[in-house]
Amino acid sequence: MLKVNLPAYFVAEIDVTDPAVYKTYVERNTSVVNAHGGRFLVRGGKTTAMDGEPPKRVVIIAWENEDKARAWYTSAAYKELFETRQPSSVDSSLKACHPEARSIRSHRFHISSGGMSVAGGS
């Protein structure tokens, strides 16, 4: 299998239930994401639904590759923040992948409040 260094994306749809606690999480997570090489592409802001109801909050973080995304998500610093965030928001299943990876190799992150798993593809 050819290994190619393709970008990975962390995508979250979030309903904030405790804005004060969530604000602290956001402030602290910025430096953790930056330290692991992540870059916020979308972070809150206005969301317009193309179909159905618009999500309350969307976050998309870009990573140079899947390994860097995984290093951030499994870091001690993020695990501590994750525990802080849990009571302040509800999120949907999250995914990170790169569309061009399908032709070479494909991995899909499935990240939710229950943790993270990676499924291999073609």
PDB file of N, CA and C in Angstrom:
ATOM      1  N   MET A   1       0.846  -1.181   0.000  1.00  0.00           N
ATOM      2  CA  MET A   1       0.000   0.000   0.000  1.00  0.00           C
ATOM      3  C   MET A   1       0.887   1.239   0.000  1.00  0.00           C
ATOM      4  N   LEU A   2       0.577   2.158  -0.864  1.00  0.00           N
ATOM      5  CA  LEU A   2       1.296   3.421  -0.958  1.00  0.00           C
ATOM      6  C   LEU A   2       0.854   4.339   0.175  1.00  0.00           C
ATOM      7  N   LYS A   3       1.817   4.817   0.953  1.00  0.00           N
ATOM      8  CA  LYS A   3       1.481   5.734   2.052  1.00  0.00           C
ATOM      9  C   LYS A   3       1.708   7.159   1.574  1.00  0.00           C
ATOM     10  N   VAL A   4       0.670   7.945   1.622  1.00  0.00           N
ATOM     11  CA  VAL A   4       0.713   9.330   1.184  1.00  0.00           C
ATOM     12  C   VAL A   4       0.316  10.215   2.358  1.00  0.00           C
ATOM     13  N   ASN A   5       0.983  11.322   2.492  1.00  0.00           N
ATOM     14  CA  ASN A   5       0.722  12.254   3.589  1.00  0.00           C
ATOM     15  C   ASN A   5      -0.425  13.187   3.195  1.00  0.00           C
ATOM     16  N   LEU A   6      -1.669  12.747   3.439  1.00  0.00           N
ATOM     17  CA  LEU A   6      -2.837  13.529   3.066  1.00  0.00           C
ATOM     18  C   LEU A   6      -3.432  14.224   4.281  1.00  0.00           C
ATOM     19  N   PRO A   7      -4.046  15.380   4.083  1.00  0.00           N
ATOM     20  CA  PRO A   7      -4.663  16.087   5.213  1.00  0.00           C
ATOM     21  C   PRO A   7      -5.806  15.296   5.838  1.00  0.00           C
ATOM     22  N   ALA A   8      -6.043  15.586   7.093  1.00  0.00           N
ATOM     23  CA  ALA A   8      -7.167  15.012   7.824  1.00  0.00           C
ATOM     24  C   ALA A   8      -7.966  16.171   8.393  1.00  0.00           C
ATOM     25  N   TYR A   9      -9.269  15.955   8.550  1.00  0.00           N
ATOM     26  CA  TYR A   9     -10.146  17.012   9.043  1.00  0.00           C
ATOM     27  C   TYR A   9     -10.976  16.503  10.209  1.00  0.00           C
ATOM     28  N   PHE A  10     -11.021  17.284  11.274  1.00  0.00           N
ATOM     29  CA  PHE A  10     -11.865  16.998  12.427  1.00  0.00           C
ATOM     30  C   PHE A  10     -13.126  17.842  12.249  1.00  0.00           C
ATOM     31  N   VAL A  11     -14.291  17.211  12.192  1.00  0.00           N
ATOM     32  CA  VAL A  11     -15.547  17.911  11.945  1.00  0.00           C
ATOM     33  C   VAL A  11     -16.493  17.645  13.112  1.00  0.00           C
ATOM     34  N   ALA A  12     -17.030  18.716  13.691  1.00  0.00           N
ATOM     35  CA  ALA A  12     -17.926  18.570  14.834  1.00  0.00           C
ATOM     36  C   ALA A  12     -19.180  19.411  14.645  1.00  0.00           C
ATOM     37  N   GLU A  13     -20.304  18.832  14.981  1.00  0.00           N
ATOM     38  CA  GLU A  13     -21.576  19.556  15.068  1.00  0.00           C
ATOM     39  C   GLU A  13     -21.943  19.568  16.541  1.00  0.00           C
ATOM     40  N   ILE A  14     -22.042  20.758  17.121  1.00  0.00           N
ATOM     41  CA  ILE A  14     -22.128  20.890  18.573  1.00  0.00           C
ATOM     42  C   ILE A  14     -23.337  21.732  18.977  1.00  0.00           C
ATOM     43  N   ASP A  15     -24.001  21.287  20.035  1.00  0.00           N
ATOM     44  CA  ASP A  15     -25.064  22.054  20.676  1.00  0.00           C
ATOM     45  C   ASP A  15     -24.541  22.419  22.066  1.00  0.00           C
ATOM     46  N   VAL A  16     -24.219  23.683  22.261  1.00  0.00           N
ATOM     47  CA  VAL A  16     -23.668  24.140  23.536  1.00  0.00           C
ATOM     48  C   VAL A  16     -24.802  24.287  24.544  1.00  0.00           C
ATOM     49  N   THR A  17     -24.675  23.600  25.674  1.00  0.00           N
ATOM     50  CA  THR A  17     -25.710  23.631  26.708  1.00  0.00           C
ATOM     51  C   THR A  17     -25.310  24.480  27.913  1.00  0.00           C
ATOM     52  N   ASP A  18     -24.012  24.740  28.082  1.00  0.00           N
ATOM     53  CA  ASP A  18     -23.516  25.587  29.164  1.00  0.00           C
ATOM     54  C   ASP A  18     -22.456  26.519  28.577  1.00  0.00           C
ATOM     55  N   PRO A  19     -22.872  27.700  28.093  1.00  0.00           N
ATOM     56  CA  PRO A  19     -21.950  28.599  27.393  1.00  0.00           C
ATOM     57  C   PRO A  19     -20.721  29.010  28.213  1.00  0.00           C
ATOM     58  N   ALA A  20     -20.858  29.218  29.499  1.00  0.00           N
ATOM     59  CA  ALA A  20     -19.721  29.655  30.314  1.00  0.00           C
ATOM     60  C   ALA A  20     -18.632  28.581  30.358  1.00  0.00           C
ATOM     61  N   VAL A  21     -19.023  27.344  30.610  1.00  0.00           N
ATOM     62  CA  VAL A  21     -18.052  26.246  30.655  1.00  0.00           C
ATOM     63  C   VAL A  21     -17.470  26.001  29.268  1.00  0.00           C
ATOM     64  N   TYR A  22     -18.315  26.035  28.248  1.00  0.00           N
ATOM     65  CA  TYR A  22     -17.847  25.788  26.883  1.00  0.00           C
ATOM     66  C   TYR A  22     -16.849  26.860  26.443  1.00  0.00           C
ATOM     67  N   LYS A  23     -17.071  28.102  26.854  1.00  0.00           N
ATOM     68  CA  LYS A  23     -16.146  29.195  26.508  1.00  0.00           C
ATOM     69  C   LYS A  23     -14.749  28.906  27.060  1.00  0.00           C
ATOM     70  N   THR A  24     -14.680  28.410  28.286  1.00  0.00           N
ATOM     71  CA  THR A  24     -13.389  28.044  28.878  1.00  0.00           C
ATOM     72  C   THR A  24     -12.724  26.939  28.066  1.00  0.00           C
ATOM     73  N   TYR A  25     -13.516  25.947  27.648  1.00  0.00           N
ATOM     74  CA  TYR A  25     -12.994  24.862  26.814  1.00  0.00           C
ATOM     75  C   TYR A  25     -12.413  25.423  25.514  1.00  0.00           C
ATOM     76  N   VAL A  26     -13.145  26.298  24.852  1.00  0.00           N
ATOM     77  CA  VAL A  26     -12.697  26.875  23.577  1.00  0.00           C
ATOM     78  C   VAL A  26     -11.385  27.622  23.767  1.00  0.00           C
ATOM     79  N   GLU A  27     -11.330  28.450  24.792  1.00  0.00           N
ATOM     80  CA  GLU A  27     -10.113  29.236  25.047  1.00  0.00           C
ATOM     81  C   GLU A  27      -8.902  28.341  25.289  1.00  0.00           C
ATOM     82  N   ARG A  28      -9.075  27.286  26.055  1.00  0.00           N
ATOM     83  CA  ARG A  28      -7.956  26.394  26.374  1.00  0.00           C
ATOM     84  C   ARG A  28      -7.601  25.467  25.206  1.00  0.00           C
ATOM     85  N   ASN A  29      -8.593  25.075  24.420  1.00  0.00           N
ATOM     86  CA  ASN A  29      -8.340  24.154  23.318  1.00  0.00           C
ATOM     87  C   ASN A  29      -7.564  24.813  22.183  1.00  0.00           C
ATOM     88  N   THR A  30      -7.693  26.115  22.023  1.00  0.00           N
ATOM     89  CA  THR A  30      -6.984  26.814  20.948  1.00  0.00           C
ATOM     90  C   THR A  30      -5.489  26.525  21.007  1.00  0.00           C
ATOM     91  N   SER A  31      -4.883  26.670  22.174  1.00  0.00           N
ATOM     92  CA  SER A  31      -3.442  26.445  22.286  1.00  0.00           C
ATOM     93  C   SER A  31      -3.079  24.967  22.115  1.00  0.00           C
ATOM     94  N   VAL A  32      -3.964  24.065  22.538  1.00  0.00           N
ATOM     95  CA  VAL A  32      -3.697  22.632  22.381  1.00  0.00           C
ATOM     96  C   VAL A  32      -3.729  22.255  20.896  1.00  0.00           C
ATOM     97  N   VAL A  33      -4.721  22.750  20.179  1.00  0.00           N
ATOM     98  CA  VAL A  33      -4.806  22.494  18.734  1.00  0.00           C
ATOM     99  C   VAL A  33      -3.571  23.068  18.032  1.00  0.00           C
ATOM    100  N   ASN A  34      -3.228  24.321  18.339  1.00  0.00           N
ATOM    101  CA  ASN A  34      -2.067  24.964  17.711  1.00  0.00           C
ATOM    102  C   ASN A  34      -0.783  24.190  18.004  1.00  0.00           C
ATOM    103  N   ALA A  35      -0.615  23.727  19.233  1.00  0.00           N
ATOM    104  CA  ALA A  35       0.595  22.990  19.614  1.00  0.00           C
ATOM    105  C   ALA A  35       0.742  21.676  18.849  1.00  0.00           C
ATOM    106  N   HIS A  36      -0.379  21.122  18.386  1.00  0.00           N
ATOM    107  CA  HIS A  36      -0.343  19.860  17.645  1.00  0.00           C
ATOM    108  C   HIS A  36      -0.446  20.071  16.132  1.00  0.00           C
ATOM    109  N   GLY A  37      -0.322  21.313  15.688  1.00  0.00           N
ATOM    110  CA  GLY A  37      -0.287  21.592  14.251  1.00  0.00           C
ATOM    111  C   GLY A  37      -1.639  21.719  13.581  1.00  0.00           C
ATOM    112  N   GLY A  38      -2.700  21.827  14.356  1.00  0.00           N
ATOM    113  CA  GLY A  38      -4.035  21.976  13.773  1.00  0.00           C
ATOM    114  C   GLY A  38      -4.320  23.417  13.391  1.00  0.00           C
ATOM    115  N   ARG A  39      -5.267  23.573  12.456  1.00  0.00           N
ATOM    116  CA  ARG A  39      -5.661  24.905  11.999  1.00  0.00           C
ATOM    117  C   ARG A  39      -7.180  24.927  11.880  1.00  0.00           C
ATOM    118  N   PHE A  40      -7.814  25.867  12.587  1.00  0.00           N
ATOM    119  CA  PHE A  40      -9.267  25.982  12.527  1.00  0.00           C
ATOM    120  C   PHE A  40      -9.679  26.548  11.169  1.00  0.00           C
ATOM    121  N   LEU A  41     -10.527  25.816  10.448  1.00  0.00           N
ATOM    122  CA  LEU A  41     -11.097  26.295   9.191  1.00  0.00           C
ATOM    123  C   LEU A  41     -12.460  26.917   9.445  1.00  0.00           C
ATOM    124  N   VAL A  42     -13.220  26.312  10.347  1.00  0.00           N
ATOM    125  CA  VAL A  42     -14.542  26.800  10.733  1.00  0.00           C
ATOM    126  C   VAL A  42     -14.625  26.657  12.240  1.00  0.00           C
ATOM    127  N   ARG A  43     -15.110  27.717  12.891  1.00  0.00           N
ATOM    128  CA  ARG A  43     -15.232  27.660  14.347  1.00  0.00           C
ATOM    129  C   ARG A  43     -16.400  28.532  14.766  1.00  0.00           C
ATOM    130  N   GLY A  44     -17.566  27.904  14.859  1.00  0.00           N
ATOM    131  CA  GLY A  44     -18.759  28.674  15.193  1.00  0.00           C
ATOM    132  C   GLY A  44     -19.179  29.504  13.990  1.00  0.00           C
ATOM    133  N   GLY A  45     -19.713  30.666  14.247  1.00  0.00           N
ATOM    134  CA  GLY A  45     -20.155  31.532  13.162  1.00  0.00           C
ATOM    135  C   GLY A  45     -21.505  31.111  12.626  1.00  0.00           C
ATOM    136  N   LYS A  46     -21.971  31.845  11.645  1.00  0.00           N
ATOM    137  CA  LYS A  46     -23.284  31.580  11.058  1.00  0.00           C
ATOM    138  C   LYS A  46     -23.254  30.302  10.222  1.00  0.00           C
ATOM    139  N   THR A  47     -24.277  29.483  10.403  1.00  0.00           N
ATOM    140  CA  THR A  47     -24.415  28.246   9.643  1.00  0.00           C
ATOM    141  C   THR A  47     -25.733  28.284   8.891  1.00  0.00           C
ATOM    142  N   THR A  48     -25.696  27.987   7.617  1.00  0.00           N
ATOM    143  CA  THR A  48     -26.902  27.955   6.795  1.00  0.00           C
ATOM    144  C   THR A  48     -27.132  26.524   6.330  1.00  0.00           C
ATOM    145  N   ALA A  49     -28.307  25.999   6.594  1.00  0.00           N
ATOM    146  CA  ALA A  49     -28.628  24.627   6.181  1.00  0.00           C
ATOM    147  C   ALA A  49     -28.966  24.599   4.691  1.00  0.00           C
ATOM    148  N   MET A  50     -28.401  23.646   3.991  1.00  0.00           N
ATOM    149  CA  MET A  50     -28.765  23.421   2.591  1.00  0.00           C
ATOM    150  C   MET A  50     -29.996  22.515   2.545  1.00  0.00           C
ATOM    151  N   ASP A  51     -30.096  21.609   3.504  1.00  0.00           N
ATOM    152  CA  ASP A  51     -31.242  20.722   3.680  1.00  0.00           C
ATOM    153  C   ASP A  51     -31.430  20.541   5.183  1.00  0.00           C
ATOM    154  N   GLY A  52     -32.667  20.471   5.630  1.00  0.00           N
ATOM    155  CA  GLY A  52     -32.930  20.215   7.044  1.00  0.00           C
ATOM    156  C   GLY A  52     -32.620  21.420   7.923  1.00  0.00           C
ATOM    157  N   GLU A  53     -32.490  21.141   9.202  1.00  0.00           N
ATOM    158  CA  GLU A  53     -32.218  22.187  10.185  1.00  0.00           C
ATOM    159  C   GLU A  53     -30.727  22.483  10.252  1.00  0.00           C
ATOM    160  N   PRO A  54     -30.355  23.759  10.398  1.00  0.00           N
ATOM    161  CA  PRO A  54     -28.924  24.064  10.515  1.00  0.00           C
ATOM    162  C   PRO A  54     -28.395  23.614  11.875  1.00  0.00           C
ATOM    163  N   PRO A  55     -27.150  23.164  11.915  1.00  0.00           N
ATOM    164  CA  PRO A  55     -26.562  22.822  13.209  1.00  0.00           C
ATOM    165  C   PRO A  55     -26.367  24.088  14.028  1.00  0.00           C
ATOM    166  N   LYS A  56     -26.325  23.937  15.333  1.00  0.00           N
ATOM    167  CA  LYS A  56     -26.154  25.101  16.204  1.00  0.00           C
ATOM    168  C   LYS A  56     -24.731  25.651  16.111  1.00  0.00           C
ATOM    169  N   ARG A  57     -23.721  24.776  16.066  1.00  0.00           N
ATOM    170  CA  ARG A  57     -22.319  25.197  15.983  1.00  0.00           C
ATOM    171  C   ARG A  57     -21.557  24.139  15.201  1.00  0.00           C
ATOM    172  N   VAL A  58     -20.679  24.584  14.322  1.00  0.00           N
ATOM    173  CA  VAL A  58     -19.840  23.677  13.545  1.00  0.00           C
ATOM    174  C   VAL A  58     -18.379  24.063  13.760  1.00  0.00           C
ATOM    175  N   VAL A  59     -17.545  23.038  13.923  1.00  0.00           N
ATOM    176  CA  VAL A  59     -16.103  23.244  14.043  1.00  0.00           C
ATOM    177  C   VAL A  59     -15.419  22.301  13.064  1.00  0.00           C
ATOM    178  N   ILE A  60     -14.494  22.836  12.272  1.00  0.00           N
ATOM    179  CA  ILE A  60     -13.674  22.018  11.376  1.00  0.00           C
ATOM    180  C   ILE A  60     -12.226  22.412  11.611  1.00  0.00           C
ATOM    181  N   ILE A  61     -11.409  21.414  11.950  1.00  0.00           N
ATOM    182  CA  ILE A  61      -9.979  21.634  12.161  1.00  0.00           C
ATOM    183  C   ILE A  61      -9.227  20.832  11.110  1.00  0.00           C
ATOM    184  N   ALA A  62      -8.266  21.463  10.446  1.00  0.00           N
ATOM    185  CA  ALA A  62      -7.438  20.789   9.438  1.00  0.00           C
ATOM    186  C   ALA A  62      -6.109  20.392  10.064  1.00  0.00           C
ATOM    187  N   TRP A  63      -5.641  19.224   9.667  1.00  0.00           N
ATOM    188  CA  TRP A  63      -4.355  18.699  10.134  1.00  0.00           C
ATOM    189  C   TRP A  63      -3.532  18.317   8.924  1.00  0.00           C
ATOM    190  N   GLU A  64      -2.233  18.386   9.049  1.00  0.00           N
ATOM    191  CA  GLU A  64      -1.342  17.997   7.956  1.00  0.00           C
ATOM    192  C   GLU A  64      -1.554  16.540   7.565  1.00  0.00           C
ATOM    193  N   ASN A  65      -1.842  15.697   8.564  1.00  0.00           N
ATOM    194  CA  ASN A  65      -2.070  14.286   8.295  1.00  0.00           C
ATOM    195  C   ASN A  65      -2.840  13.657   9.456  1.00  0.00           C
ATOM    196  N   GLU A  66      -3.239  12.431   9.254  1.00  0.00           N
ATOM    197  CA  GLU A  66      -4.030  11.704  10.249  1.00  0.00           C
ATOM    198  C   GLU A  66      -3.266  11.511  11.556  1.00  0.00           C
ATOM    199  N   ASP A  67      -1.962  11.287  11.471  1.00  0.00           N
ATOM    200  CA  ASP A  67      -1.161  11.073  12.683  1.00  0.00           C
ATOM    201  C   ASP A  67      -1.194  12.299  13.595  1.00  0.00           C
ATOM    202  N   LYS A  68      -1.126  13.493  13.006  1.00  0.00           N
ATOM    203  CA  LYS A  68      -1.159  14.720  13.819  1.00  0.00           C
ATOM    204  C   LYS A  68      -2.541  14.930  14.434  1.00  0.00           C
ATOM    205  N   ALA A  69      -3.577  14.601  13.707  1.00  0.00           N
ATOM    206  CA  ALA A  69      -4.930  14.716  14.254  1.00  0.00           C
ATOM    207  C   ALA A  69      -5.093  13.753  15.432  1.00  0.00           C
ATOM    208  N   ARG A  70      -4.609  12.549  15.272  1.00  0.00           N
ATOM    209  CA  ARG A  70      -4.703  11.549  16.333  1.00  0.00           C
ATOM    210  C   ARG A  70      -3.860  11.965  17.545  1.00  0.00           C
ATOM    211  N   ALA A  71      -2.689  12.532  17.313  1.00  0.00           N
ATOM    212  CA  ALA A  71      -1.827  12.979  18.418  1.00  0.00           C
ATOM    213  C   ALA A  71      -2.528  14.043  19.253  1.00  0.00           C
ATOM    214  N   TRP A  72      -3.241  14.954  18.595  1.00  0.00           N
ATOM    215  CA  TRP A  72      -4.009  15.977  19.326  1.00  0.00           C
ATOM    216  C   TRP A  72      -5.122  15.330  20.140  1.00  0.00           C
ATOM    217  N   TYR A  73      -5.919  14.478  19.483  1.00  0.00           N
ATOM    218  CA  TYR A  73      -7.092  13.900  20.137  1.00  0.00           C
ATOM    219  C   TYR A  73      -6.723  12.991  21.308  1.00  0.00           C
ATOM    220  N   THR A  74      -5.595  12.310  21.218  1.00  0.00           N
ATOM    221  CA  THR A  74      -5.195  11.383  22.277  1.00  0.00           C
ATOM    222  C   THR A  74      -4.227  12.004  23.282  1.00  0.00           C
ATOM    223  N   SER A  75      -3.891  13.272  23.114  1.00  0.00           N
ATOM    224  CA  SER A  75      -2.955  13.930  24.038  1.00  0.00           C
ATOM    225  C   SER A  75      -3.579  14.085  25.427  1.00  0.00           C
ATOM    226  N   ALA A  76      -2.728  14.090  26.435  1.00  0.00           N
ATOM    227  CA  ALA A  76      -3.198  14.290  27.819  1.00  0.00           C
ATOM    228  C   ALA A  76      -3.895  15.642  27.958  1.00  0.00           C
ATOM    229  N   ALA A  77      -3.361  16.660  27.285  1.00  0.00           N
ATOM    230  CA  ALA A  77      -3.952  17.999  27.377  1.00  0.00           C
ATOM    231  C   ALA A  77      -5.374  18.015  26.826  1.00  0.00           C
ATOM    232  N   TYR A  78      -5.604  17.349  25.672  1.00  0.00           N
ATOM    233  CA  TYR A  78      -6.953  17.347  25.115  1.00  0.00           C
ATOM    234  C   TYR A  78      -7.891  16.454  25.927  1.00  0.00           C
ATOM    235  N   LYS A  79      -7.397  15.333  26.420  1.00  0.00           N
ATOM    236  CA  LYS A  79      -8.253  14.455  27.230  1.00  0.00           C
ATOM    237  C   LYS A  79      -8.793  15.205  28.443  1.00  0.00           C
ATOM    238  N   GLU A  80      -7.948  16.026  29.063  1.00  0.00           N
ATOM    239  CA  GLU A  80      -8.392  16.832  30.204  1.00  0.00           C
ATOM    240  C   GLU A  80      -9.476  17.825  29.773  1.00  0.00           C
ATOM    241  N   LEU A  81      -9.259  18.472  28.633  1.00  0.00           N
ATOM    242  CA  LEU A  81     -10.256  19.422  28.122  1.00  0.00           C
ATOM    243  C   LEU A  81     -11.551  18.720  27.736  1.00  0.00           C
ATOM    244  N   PHE A  82     -11.434  17.535  27.160  1.00  0.00           N
ATOM    245  CA  PHE A  82     -12.603  16.770  26.749  1.00  0.00           C
ATOM    246  C   PHE A  82     -13.509  16.512  27.948  1.00  0.00           C
ATOM    247  N   GLU A  83     -12.913  16.151  29.066  1.00  0.00           N
ATOM    248  CA  GLU A  83     -13.689  15.914  30.286  1.00  0.00           C
ATOM    249  C   GLU A  83     -14.387  17.189  30.750  1.00  0.00           C
ATOM    250  N   THR A  84     -13.745  18.328  30.572  1.00  0.00           N
ATOM    251  CA  THR A  84     -14.337  19.620  30.928  1.00  0.00           C
ATOM    252  C   THR A  84     -15.505  19.949  30.001  1.00  0.00           C
ATOM    253  N   ARG A  85     -15.335  19.638  28.718  1.00  0.00           N
ATOM    254  CA  ARG A  85     -16.354  19.980  27.711  1.00  0.00           C
ATOM    255  C   ARG A  85     -17.599  19.134  27.823  1.00  0.00           C
ATOM    256  N   GLN A  86     -17.451  17.874  28.197  1.00  0.00           N
ATOM    257  CA  GLN A  86     -18.572  16.939  28.199  1.00  0.00           C
ATOM    258  C   GLN A  86     -19.862  17.485  28.808  1.00  0.00           C
ATOM    259  N   PRO A  87     -19.840  18.056  30.018  1.00  0.00           N
ATOM    260  CA  PRO A  87     -21.115  18.518  30.589  1.00  0.00           C
ATOM    261  C   PRO A  87     -21.630  19.823  29.984  1.00  0.00           C
ATOM    262  N   SER A  88     -20.831  20.460  29.120  1.00  0.00           N
ATOM    263  CA  SER A  88     -21.231  21.770  28.600  1.00  0.00           C
ATOM    264  C   SER A  88     -21.780  21.729  27.179  1.00  0.00           C
ATOM    265  N   SER A  89     -21.805  20.540  26.556  1.00  0.00           N
ATOM    266  CA  SER A  89     -22.266  20.473  25.171  1.00  0.00           C
ATOM    267  C   SER A  89     -22.660  19.048  24.803  1.00  0.00           C
ATOM    268  N   VAL A  90     -23.407  18.947  23.713  1.00  0.00           N
ATOM    269  CA  VAL A  90     -23.800  17.669  23.136  1.00  0.00           C
ATOM    270  C   VAL A  90     -23.322  17.704  21.691  1.00  0.00           C
ATOM    271  N   ASP A  91     -22.660  16.631  21.243  1.00  0.00           N
ATOM    272  CA  ASP A  91     -22.180  16.647  19.867  1.00  0.00           C
ATOM    273  C   ASP A  91     -22.661  15.438  19.099  1.00  0.00           C
ATOM    274  N   SER A  92     -22.657  15.582  17.787  1.00  0.00           N
ATOM    275  CA  SER A  92     -22.983  14.480  16.879  1.00  0.00           C
ATOM    276  C   SER A  92     -21.717  13.670  16.650  1.00  0.00           C
ATOM    277  N   SER A  93     -21.874  12.545  15.947  1.00  0.00           N
ATOM    278  CA  SER A  93     -20.716  11.765  15.533  1.00  0.00           C
ATOM    279  C   SER A  93     -19.848  12.641  14.648  1.00  0.00           C
ATOM    280  N   LEU A  94     -18.561  12.577  14.850  1.00  0.00           N
ATOM    281  CA  LEU A  94     -17.632  13.430  14.119  1.00  0.00           C
ATOM    282  C   LEU A  94     -16.753  12.571  13.226  1.00  0.00           C
ATOM    283  N   LYS A  95     -16.313  13.128  12.116  1.00  0.00           N
ATOM    284  CA  LYS A  95     -15.478  12.379  11.189  1.00  0.00           C
ATOM    285  C   LYS A  95     -14.319  13.247  10.715  1.00  0.00           C
ATOM    286  N   ALA A  96     -13.213  12.596  10.394  1.00  0.00           N
ATOM    287  CA  ALA A  96     -12.101  13.295   9.759  1.00  0.00           C
ATOM    288  C   ALA A  96     -11.562  12.404   8.660  1.00  0.00           C
ATOM    289  N   CYS A  97     -11.479  12.927   7.454  1.00  0.00           N
ATOM    290  CA  CYS A  97     -10.921  12.155   6.352  1.00  0.00           C
ATOM    291  C   CYS A  97     -10.568  13.107   5.228  1.00  0.00           C
ATOM    292  N   HIS A  98      -9.917  12.613   4.244  1.00  0.00           N
ATOM    293  CA  HIS A  98      -9.597  13.391   3.055  1.00  0.00           C
ATOM    294  C   HIS A  98     -10.186  12.667   1.855  1.00  0.00           C
ATOM    295  N   PRO A  99     -10.952  13.353   1.016  1.00  0.00           N
ATOM    296  CA  PRO A  99     -11.631  12.657  -0.093  1.00  0.00           C
ATOM    297  C   PRO A  99     -10.688  11.970  -1.070  1.00  0.00           C
ATOM    298  N   GLU A 100      -9.509  12.505  -1.307  1.00  0.00           N
ATOM    299  CA  GLU A 100      -8.576  11.878  -2.245  1.00  0.00           C
ATOM    300  C   GLU A 100      -7.955  10.616  -1.669  1.00  0.00           C
ATOM    301  N   ALA A 101      -8.060  10.431  -0.354  1.00  0.00           N
ATOM    302  CA  ALA A 101      -7.462   9.253   0.274  1.00  0.00           C
ATOM    303  C   ALA A 101      -8.128   7.970  -0.187  1.00  0.00           C
ATOM    304  N   ARG A 102      -9.354   8.037  -0.660  1.00  0.00           N
ATOM    305  CA  ARG A 102     -10.066   6.825  -1.077  1.00  0.00           C
ATOM    306  C   ARG A 102      -9.335   6.070  -2.163  1.00  0.00           C
ATOM    307  N   SER A 103      -8.671   6.786  -3.066  1.00  0.00           N
ATOM    308  CA  SER A 103      -8.008   6.105  -4.167  1.00  0.00           C
ATOM    309  C   SER A 103      -6.675   5.482  -3.740  1.00  0.00           C
ATOM    310  N   ILE A 104      -6.129   5.916  -2.620  1.00  0.00           N
ATOM    311  CA  ILE A 104      -4.844   5.400  -2.180  1.00  0.00           C
ATOM    312  C   ILE A 104      -5.014   4.557  -0.929  1.00  0.00           C
ATOM    313  N   ARG A 105      -5.579   5.147   0.096  1.00  0.00           N
ATOM    314  CA  ARG A 105      -5.950   4.438   1.316  1.00  0.00           C
ATOM    315  C   ARG A 105      -6.992   5.287   2.003  1.00  0.00           C
ATOM    316  N   SER A 106      -7.834   4.680   2.749  1.00  0.00           N
ATOM    317  CA  SER A 106      -8.899   5.431   3.391  1.00  0.00           C
ATOM    318  C   SER A 106      -9.031   5.021   4.843  1.00  0.00           C
ATOM    319  N   HIS A 107      -9.098   6.013   5.702  1.00  0.00           N
ATOM    320  CA  HIS A 107      -9.386   5.802   7.110  1.00  0.00           C
ATOM    321  C   HIS A 107     -10.422   6.825   7.506  1.00  0.00           C
ATOM    322  N   ARG A 108     -11.341   6.411   8.314  1.00  0.00           N
ATOM    323  CA  ARG A 108     -12.357   7.331   8.796  1.00  0.00           C
ATOM    324  C   ARG A 108     -12.305   7.343  10.308  1.00  0.00           C
ATOM    325  N   PHE A 109     -12.178   8.525  10.884  1.00  0.00           N
ATOM    326  CA  PHE A 109     -12.303   8.657  12.333  1.00  0.00           C
ATOM    327  C   PHE A 109     -13.783   8.701  12.647  1.00  0.00           C
ATOM    328  N   HIS A 110     -14.183   8.054  13.687  1.00  0.00           N
ATOM    329  CA  HIS A 110     -15.519   8.201  14.223  1.00  0.00           C
ATOM    330  C   HIS A 110     -15.323   8.644  15.664  1.00  0.00           C
ATOM    331  N   ILE A 111     -15.563   9.912  15.919  1.00  0.00           N
ATOM    332  CA  ILE A 111     -15.284  10.481  17.223  1.00  0.00           C
ATOM    333  C   ILE A 111     -16.592  10.957  17.817  1.00  0.00           C
ATOM    334  N   SER A 112     -16.874  10.504  19.012  1.00  0.00           N
ATOM    335  CA  SER A 112     -18.076  10.926  19.706  1.00  0.00           C
ATOM    336  C   SER A 112     -17.771  10.962  21.188  1.00  0.00           C
ATOM    337  N   SER A 113     -18.764  11.226  21.988  1.00  0.00           N
ATOM    338  CA  SER A 113     -18.526  11.287  23.416  1.00  0.00           C
ATOM    339  C   SER A 113     -18.023   9.955  23.965  1.00  0.00           C
ATOM    340  N   GLY A 114     -18.223   8.875  23.239  1.00  0.00           N
ATOM    341  CA  GLY A 114     -17.753   7.569  23.677  1.00  0.00           C
ATOM    342  C   GLY A 114     -16.297   7.305  23.350  1.00  0.00           C
ATOM    343  N   GLY A 115     -15.653   8.167  22.593  1.00  0.00           N
ATOM    344  CA  GLY A 115     -14.243   7.991  22.258  1.00  0.00           C
ATOM    345  C   GLY A 115     -14.023   7.986  20.768  1.00  0.00           C
ATOM    346  N   MET A 116     -12.901   7.445  20.345  1.00  0.00           N
ATOM    347  CA  MET A 116     -12.488   7.521  18.948  1.00  0.00           C
ATOM    348  C   MET A 116     -12.157   6.130  18.442  1.00  0.00           C
ATOM    349  N   SER A 117     -12.583   5.836  17.223  1.00  0.00           N
ATOM    350  CA  SER A 117     -12.182   4.596  16.576  1.00  0.00           C
ATOM    351  C   SER A 117     -11.821   4.927  15.141  1.00  0.00           C
ATOM    352  N   VAL A 118     -11.028   4.071  14.530  1.00  0.00           N
ATOM    353  CA  VAL A 118     -10.621   4.290  13.143  1.00  0.00           C
ATOM    354  C   VAL A 118     -11.010   3.053  12.348  1.00  0.00           C
ATOM    355  N   ALA A 119     -11.691   3.274  11.253  1.00  0.00           N
ATOM    356  CA  ALA A 119     -12.100   2.174  10.381  1.00  0.00           C
ATOM    357  C   ALA A 119     -11.276   2.241   9.107  1.00  0.00           C
ATOM    358  N   GLY A 120     -10.700   1.133   8.688  1.00  0.00           N
ATOM    359  CA  GLY A 120      -9.944   1.098   7.453  1.00  0.00           C
ATOM    360  C   GLY A 120     -10.858   1.040   6.256  1.00  0.00           C
ATOM    361  N   GLY A 121     -10.349   1.433   5.135  1.00  0.00           N
ATOM    362  CA  GLY A 121     -11.148   1.433   3.919  1.00  0.00           C
ATOM    363  C   GLY A 121     -10.393   0.785   2.799  1.00  0.00           C
ATOM    364  N   SER A 122     -10.745   1.168   1.587  1.00  0.00           N
ATOM    365  CA  SER A 122     -10.112   0.563   0.420  1.00  0.00           C
ATOM    366  C   SER A 122      -8.799   1.225   0.087  1.00  0.00           C
TER     367      SER A 122
END
